[in-house]
Structures are given as C-alpha cells and as structure tokens.
Protein backbone atom coordinates (compact mmCIF):
# COMPACT_ATOMS: atom_id res chain seq x y z
CA UNK A 1 -0.06 -0.02 -0.06
CA UNK A 2 1.40 3.24 -0.94
CA UNK A 3 1.22 6.53 1.51
CA UNK A 4 2.58 9.26 -0.55
CA UNK A 5 6.23 8.40 -1.14
CA UNK A 6 6.24 5.53 0.97
CA UNK A 7 5.27 2.10 0.46
CA UNK A 8 3.71 0.02 3.61
CA UNK A 9 4.27 -3.73 3.16
CA UNK A 10 1.66 -5.49 5.35
CA UNK A 11 3.88 -8.81 5.65
CA UNK A 12 6.66 -6.83 7.21
CA UNK A 13 4.00 -4.66 9.33
CA UNK A 14 2.62 -7.95 10.75
CA UNK A 15 6.10 -9.44 11.67
CA UNK A 16 6.90 -6.00 13.15
CA UNK A 17 3.84 -6.12 15.44
CA UNK A 18 4.45 -9.65 16.39
CA UNK A 19 7.87 -8.69 17.45
CA UNK A 20 6.65 -6.06 19.62
CA UNK A 21 4.15 -8.35 20.96
CA UNK A 22 6.58 -11.02 21.86
CA UNK A 23 9.07 -8.76 23.69
CA UNK A 24 6.16 -7.10 25.58
CA UNK A 25 4.73 -10.39 26.79
CA UNK A 26 8.51 -11.79 27.53
CA UNK A 27 9.30 -8.80 29.68
CA UNK A 28 6.16 -9.01 31.65
CA UNK A 29 6.77 -12.90 32.50
CA UNK A 30 10.47 -12.48 33.05
CA UNK A 31 9.88 -9.78 35.41
CA UNK A 32 7.29 -12.15 37.50
CA UNK A 33 9.99 -14.69 37.67
CA UNK A 34 12.39 -12.15 39.22
CA UNK A 35 14.31 -11.33 35.84
CA UNK A 36 15.80 -8.38 34.72
CA UNK A 37 13.73 -7.22 31.86
CA UNK A 38 16.42 -5.06 30.42
CA UNK A 39 18.29 -8.57 29.57
CA UNK A 40 15.25 -9.47 27.16
CA UNK A 41 15.52 -5.84 25.45
CA UNK A 42 19.34 -6.47 25.20
CA UNK A 43 18.84 -9.77 23.89
CA UNK A 44 16.17 -8.88 20.97
CA UNK A 45 18.97 -6.82 19.44
CA UNK A 46 20.68 -10.12 18.17
CA UNK A 47 17.80 -12.50 18.60
CA UNK A 48 15.25 -10.71 15.96
CA UNK A 49 17.80 -10.21 13.05
CA UNK A 50 18.90 -13.92 13.55
CA UNK A 51 15.37 -15.10 13.57
CA UNK A 52 14.45 -13.12 10.43
CA UNK A 53 17.83 -14.54 8.80
CA UNK A 54 17.34 -17.99 9.89
CA UNK A 55 13.59 -17.71 8.69
CA UNK A 56 14.27 -16.70 5.39
CA UNK A 57 17.31 -18.84 5.05
CA UNK A 58 15.10 -21.86 5.72
CA UNK A 59 12.61 -20.71 2.93
CA UNK A 60 15.12 -20.10 0.54
CA UNK A 61 17.05 -23.18 0.89
CA UNK A 62 13.87 -25.24 0.78
CA UNK A 63 12.63 -23.51 -2.00
CA UNK A 64 15.20 -22.77 -4.28
CA UNK A 65 13.70 -22.96 -7.61
CA UNK A 66 11.87 -19.92 -6.84
CA UNK A 67 14.98 -17.80 -6.81
CA UNK A 68 17.59 -19.77 -8.53
CA UNK A 69 15.58 -21.90 -11.08
CA UNK A 70 15.19 -21.22 -14.76
CA UNK A 71 12.42 -18.33 -14.12
CA UNK A 72 13.94 -17.33 -10.88
CA UNK A 73 15.73 -14.30 -9.71
CA UNK A 74 18.44 -14.53 -7.11
CA UNK A 75 17.90 -11.09 -5.76
CA UNK A 76 14.28 -11.62 -4.81
CA UNK A 77 15.73 -13.83 -1.96
CA UNK A 78 16.31 -10.64 -0.17
CA UNK A 79 12.51 -9.21 -0.58
CA UNK A 80 11.22 -10.76 2.72
CA UNK A 81 8.35 -8.23 2.53
CA UNK A 82 7.14 -10.49 -0.49
CA UNK A 83 6.90 -13.21 1.87
CA UNK A 84 8.49 -16.34 2.48
CA UNK A 85 9.64 -17.10 6.17
CA UNK A 86 10.42 -20.67 7.46
CA UNK A 87 9.49 -20.71 11.00
CA UNK A 88 11.86 -23.59 11.74
CA UNK A 89 14.97 -21.54 10.84
CA UNK A 90 13.80 -18.38 12.75
CA UNK A 91 13.31 -20.77 15.81
CA UNK A 92 16.53 -22.61 15.41
CA UNK A 93 18.86 -19.63 14.64
CA UNK A 94 17.05 -17.40 16.76
CA UNK A 95 17.38 -19.50 19.71
CA UNK A 96 20.95 -20.39 19.24
CA UNK A 97 22.01 -16.83 19.06
CA UNK A 98 19.96 -16.19 22.08
CA UNK A 99 21.60 -18.88 23.87
CA UNK A 100 25.15 -17.74 22.90
CA UNK A 101 24.46 -14.06 23.67
CA UNK A 102 22.79 -14.71 27.09
CA UNK A 103 25.47 -17.15 28.26
CA UNK A 104 28.18 -14.81 27.27
CA UNK A 105 27.90 -12.86 30.62
CA UNK A 106 26.24 -13.01 34.20
CA UNK A 107 22.47 -12.86 34.24
CA UNK A 108 19.95 -12.50 36.75
CA UNK A 109 18.04 -16.10 35.84
CA UNK A 110 18.98 -19.11 34.00
CA UNK A 111 18.59 -19.38 30.15
CA UNK A 112 15.58 -21.96 30.76
CA UNK A 113 13.73 -19.19 32.68
CA UNK A 114 14.33 -16.82 29.83
CA UNK A 115 13.18 -19.28 27.11
CA UNK A 116 9.98 -20.04 29.27
CA UNK A 117 9.14 -16.24 29.54
CA UNK A 118 9.47 -15.93 25.82
CA UNK A 119 7.39 -19.02 24.79
CA UNK A 120 3.88 -17.58 24.74
CA UNK A 121 4.76 -14.36 23.30
CA UNK A 122 6.68 -16.18 20.24
CA UNK A 123 3.40 -18.07 19.70
CA UNK A 124 1.40 -14.62 19.61
CA UNK A 125 4.05 -13.14 17.28
CA UNK A 126 3.73 -16.17 14.97
CA UNK A 127 0.14 -15.97 14.91
CA UNK A 128 0.16 -12.25 14.19
CA UNK A 129 2.66 -12.87 11.55
CA UNK A 130 0.37 -15.47 9.81
CA UNK A 131 -1.77 -12.61 8.85
CA UNK A 132 1.07 -11.25 6.56
CA UNK A 133 0.33 -14.34 4.21
CA UNK A 134 -3.28 -13.13 3.88
CA UNK A 135 -2.23 -9.64 2.57
CA UNK A 136 0.12 -11.63 0.35
CA UNK A 137 -2.47 -14.11 -1.01
CA UNK A 138 -0.27 -17.11 -0.04
CA UNK A 139 -0.22 -20.29 1.89
CA UNK A 140 -3.79 -21.34 1.81
CA UNK A 141 -5.01 -24.84 1.45
CA UNK A 142 -7.09 -27.10 -0.29
CA UNK A 143 -10.21 -25.99 -2.25
CA UNK A 144 -13.35 -25.66 0.04
CA UNK A 145 -16.98 -24.83 0.11
CA UNK A 146 -16.85 -24.04 3.84
CA UNK A 147 -18.52 -20.57 4.61
CA UNK A 148 -15.15 -19.29 5.94
CA UNK A 149 -13.35 -20.43 2.58
CA UNK A 150 -10.84 -17.79 1.34
CA UNK A 151 -11.54 -16.37 -2.12
CA UNK A 152 -7.97 -16.15 -3.92
CA UNK A 153 -7.56 -14.14 -7.12
CA UNK A 154 -7.16 -16.45 -10.53
CA UNK A 155 -3.48 -15.00 -11.02
CA UNK A 156 -2.51 -16.34 -7.43
CA UNK A 157 -4.04 -19.88 -7.75
CA UNK A 158 -1.90 -22.72 -8.29
CA UNK A 159 -1.85 -24.69 -11.53
CA UNK A 160 -4.74 -26.93 -11.79
CA UNK A 161 -6.76 -25.04 -9.22
CA UNK A 162 -7.82 -22.26 -11.39
CA UNK A 163 -11.64 -23.18 -11.38
CA UNK A 164 -11.74 -23.27 -7.62
CA UNK A 165 -12.92 -19.95 -6.15
CA UNK A 166 -12.26 -20.47 -2.44
CA UNK A 167 -9.75 -22.15 -0.46
CA UNK A 168 -8.95 -23.31 3.21
CA UNK A 169 -7.33 -20.18 4.76
CA UNK A 170 -4.46 -22.35 6.47
CA UNK A 171 -2.54 -19.26 7.70
CA UNK A 172 -5.78 -18.48 9.72
CA UNK A 173 -5.94 -22.02 11.01
CA UNK A 174 -2.36 -21.47 11.81
CA UNK A 175 -2.84 -18.33 13.77
CA UNK A 176 -5.62 -19.44 15.89
CA UNK A 177 -3.83 -22.55 16.93
CA UNK A 178 -0.93 -20.36 17.97
CA UNK A 179 -2.96 -18.13 19.86
CA UNK A 180 -4.76 -21.26 21.58
CA UNK A 181 -1.48 -22.80 22.50
CA UNK A 182 -0.17 -19.52 23.91
CA UNK A 183 -3.14 -19.43 26.12
CA UNK A 184 -2.69 -23.13 27.06
CA UNK A 185 0.77 -22.79 28.13
CA UNK A 186 0.31 -19.80 30.32
CA UNK A 187 -2.61 -21.67 31.98
CA UNK A 188 -0.45 -24.83 32.26
CA UNK A 189 2.67 -23.19 33.08
CA UNK A 190 2.29 -23.42 36.75
CA UNK A 191 2.19 -27.16 36.26
CA UNK A 192 4.92 -27.73 33.77
CA UNK A 193 7.50 -24.86 34.77
CA UNK A 194 8.90 -26.63 37.68
CA UNK A 195 12.17 -27.09 35.77
CA UNK A 196 13.15 -24.29 33.81
CA UNK A 197 12.84 -24.79 30.20
CA UNK A 198 10.02 -27.33 30.28
CA UNK A 199 7.49 -24.72 29.03
CA UNK A 200 9.45 -23.78 26.07
CA UNK A 201 9.84 -27.41 24.87
CA UNK A 202 6.07 -27.76 25.37
CA UNK A 203 5.70 -24.68 23.20
CA UNK A 204 7.58 -26.51 20.51
CA UNK A 205 5.77 -29.67 20.81
CA UNK A 206 2.30 -27.88 20.73
CA UNK A 207 3.21 -25.70 17.83
CA UNK A 208 4.48 -28.74 15.77
CA UNK A 209 1.20 -30.78 16.48
CA UNK A 210 -0.85 -28.35 14.93
CA UNK A 211 1.52 -27.39 11.99
CA UNK A 212 1.77 -31.09 10.88
CA UNK A 213 -2.14 -31.27 10.44
CA UNK A 214 -2.38 -27.64 8.99
CA UNK A 215 0.54 -28.56 6.69
CA UNK A 216 -1.33 -31.38 5.22
CA UNK A 217 -3.82 -29.25 4.06
CA UNK A 218 -1.74 -26.72 2.00
CA UNK A 219 -1.30 -27.01 -1.53
CA UNK A 220 1.69 -24.68 -2.42
CA UNK A 221 4.80 -25.91 -3.94
CA UNK A 222 6.85 -28.15 -1.66
CA UNK A 223 9.35 -31.05 -1.63
CA UNK A 224 7.80 -34.24 -0.67
CA UNK A 225 9.38 -37.43 0.76
CA UNK A 226 7.57 -40.57 1.12
CA UNK A 227 4.34 -38.72 0.41
CA UNK A 228 4.53 -36.20 2.89
CA UNK A 229 5.70 -32.60 2.76
CA UNK A 230 9.02 -31.40 4.04
CA UNK A 231 7.52 -29.35 6.83
CA UNK A 232 5.23 -32.38 7.77
CA UNK A 233 8.49 -34.21 8.51
CA UNK A 234 9.98 -31.48 10.31
CA UNK A 235 6.91 -31.11 12.52
CA UNK A 236 6.81 -34.64 13.31
CA UNK A 237 10.35 -34.87 14.29
CA UNK A 238 9.90 -31.65 16.35
CA UNK A 239 6.96 -32.87 17.82
CA UNK A 240 8.63 -36.13 19.15
CA UNK A 241 11.84 -34.69 20.12
CA UNK A 242 10.06 -31.85 22.27
CA UNK A 243 7.63 -34.18 23.58
CA UNK A 244 10.25 -36.52 24.87
CA UNK A 245 12.19 -33.58 26.75
CA UNK A 246 8.79 -32.34 28.40
CA UNK A 247 8.39 -35.96 29.63
CA UNK A 248 11.83 -36.31 30.56
CA UNK A 249 11.97 -32.79 32.46
CA UNK A 250 8.63 -33.73 34.13
CA UNK A 251 9.97 -37.00 35.32
CA UNK A 252 13.32 -35.22 36.72
CA UNK A 253 11.34 -32.72 38.46
CA UNK A 254 9.06 -35.33 40.24
CA UNK A 255 12.22 -36.90 41.29
CA UNK A 256 13.42 -33.67 42.79
CA UNK A 257 16.25 -33.00 40.38
CA UNK A 258 15.35 -29.57 39.30
CA UNK A 259 18.26 -27.58 38.07
CA UNK A 260 18.23 -24.01 36.76
C-alpha cells in the first residue's frame, strides 16, 4: 500500500507487530520470575535479526527453484516483504544466537527461565505474522466450500486449481492454533514450569502438533518425501523430540532433580 512517497508492506508490518508483542509479553513474564527485563531488550537486538535471517534462509534453501531456477531471480531472495519465512529456521537460529549471547555474561536468571518467559509471546508473534500471508495471498490450503473459505484471485491460484474459487485459509488456522497454544501454556505453566525450559519445549511440541495437521492441507509447492511434505516431516520430528524433552524434564522434576 502506498502512502505518498512511502510503501507499506503489510507482511513486514505483521512481523513487526508480532515482534513487539513477543518482547512485551516476554518482559512481563520474565519480570514475574524475578528476572531483569533489560536483559530481554538487550537480547532482542541480536535475536530478532537472527530469527529473520534464519527464517529467510530456511525458506530460500527449501524453495530454491523460486529464486535460482530457470525463471527465478536470485535477488528476490532478499525481498522478505514479499513473503517467505520458514519458522523452523527462525526458531532454530534465533534460539541459538539467544543462547550464545545470553550465556556470554552473568544474568539474573538461567536461560531456561528466559525461554519459558518468551514461549507464549513467540506463539502470539507467529500468529500475528501469519496474517501477513493473507495480505500476500499465499499459503492457503485445498479448495473448500465451507462458509469461511478464502477467495483467491485467479492469478494467485496454483496450476490445476484455476477453477476453484475458495480455499482453506490455512494461515488463519495456524494463527488461531498459535493463539490457543499461547493461552494453554500460560494456563499450564504453573504445572509444567517446575524445571526451567519445560514450558519452551511444550511450546515447540504443541506448535509442531498443530503445524503437522495444517501442513497436510496446504497445496503450495513443496518438496515431498515418502508422500509427506518436508515441513510435515520437520513438524513430526520436532513433536517427537520436544515431547520427549517435556516428559523427561517432568520425570526429573518429580524426582527432585530440578536445575536452573
């Protein structure tokens, strides 16, 4: 959208709003645990760029033809505002950089407590960011005649789906799932937060559970392995690994081996 000499990219705006929400929620939760909220603000200077870079790298690496194929334009890989962010890359690189920066000096609380504080805010941010896909007319699902079916302009419909007017708004499903999971882990945190870091693993497990189902509805181009989309496999692996960590930490908490 153009505002005089300025161009507003709604996808980027949604990401910005999500980042603000994540920081605000994270600061409030960290303060309640007795942490220094300035540590979250300082960490965001490194974590946010790392998350954006990681998310974009994952998208570009898993969709190379769009940028480096015969009809691709390599410089488009830098146009984040046009859409295309892999949440796995954002979480992975963002978490790694956060851990390294956080552990580089003495902090008020451990990294596990920080991660637990940020978990629901990250889900809220992911949910808000998904609305950017609506503005870009991307990441919708199979054709549907349900009342909430999303009407997609013909130029944006995938090959073979030109005659279907409405599609599953999978980005909306994911946004609602993220908001629900954020509420759930806030409510359940008092039970699952006995050992720092448990809530963060719960966040990963819940998100992956929903993403695996939502991913099965999508019809955008993707790599398939043994009949499943790449992101379905990543979701299932993430679900299994995170669930294992949650159960392990809960067992350790019950045995009294609680570590910061």
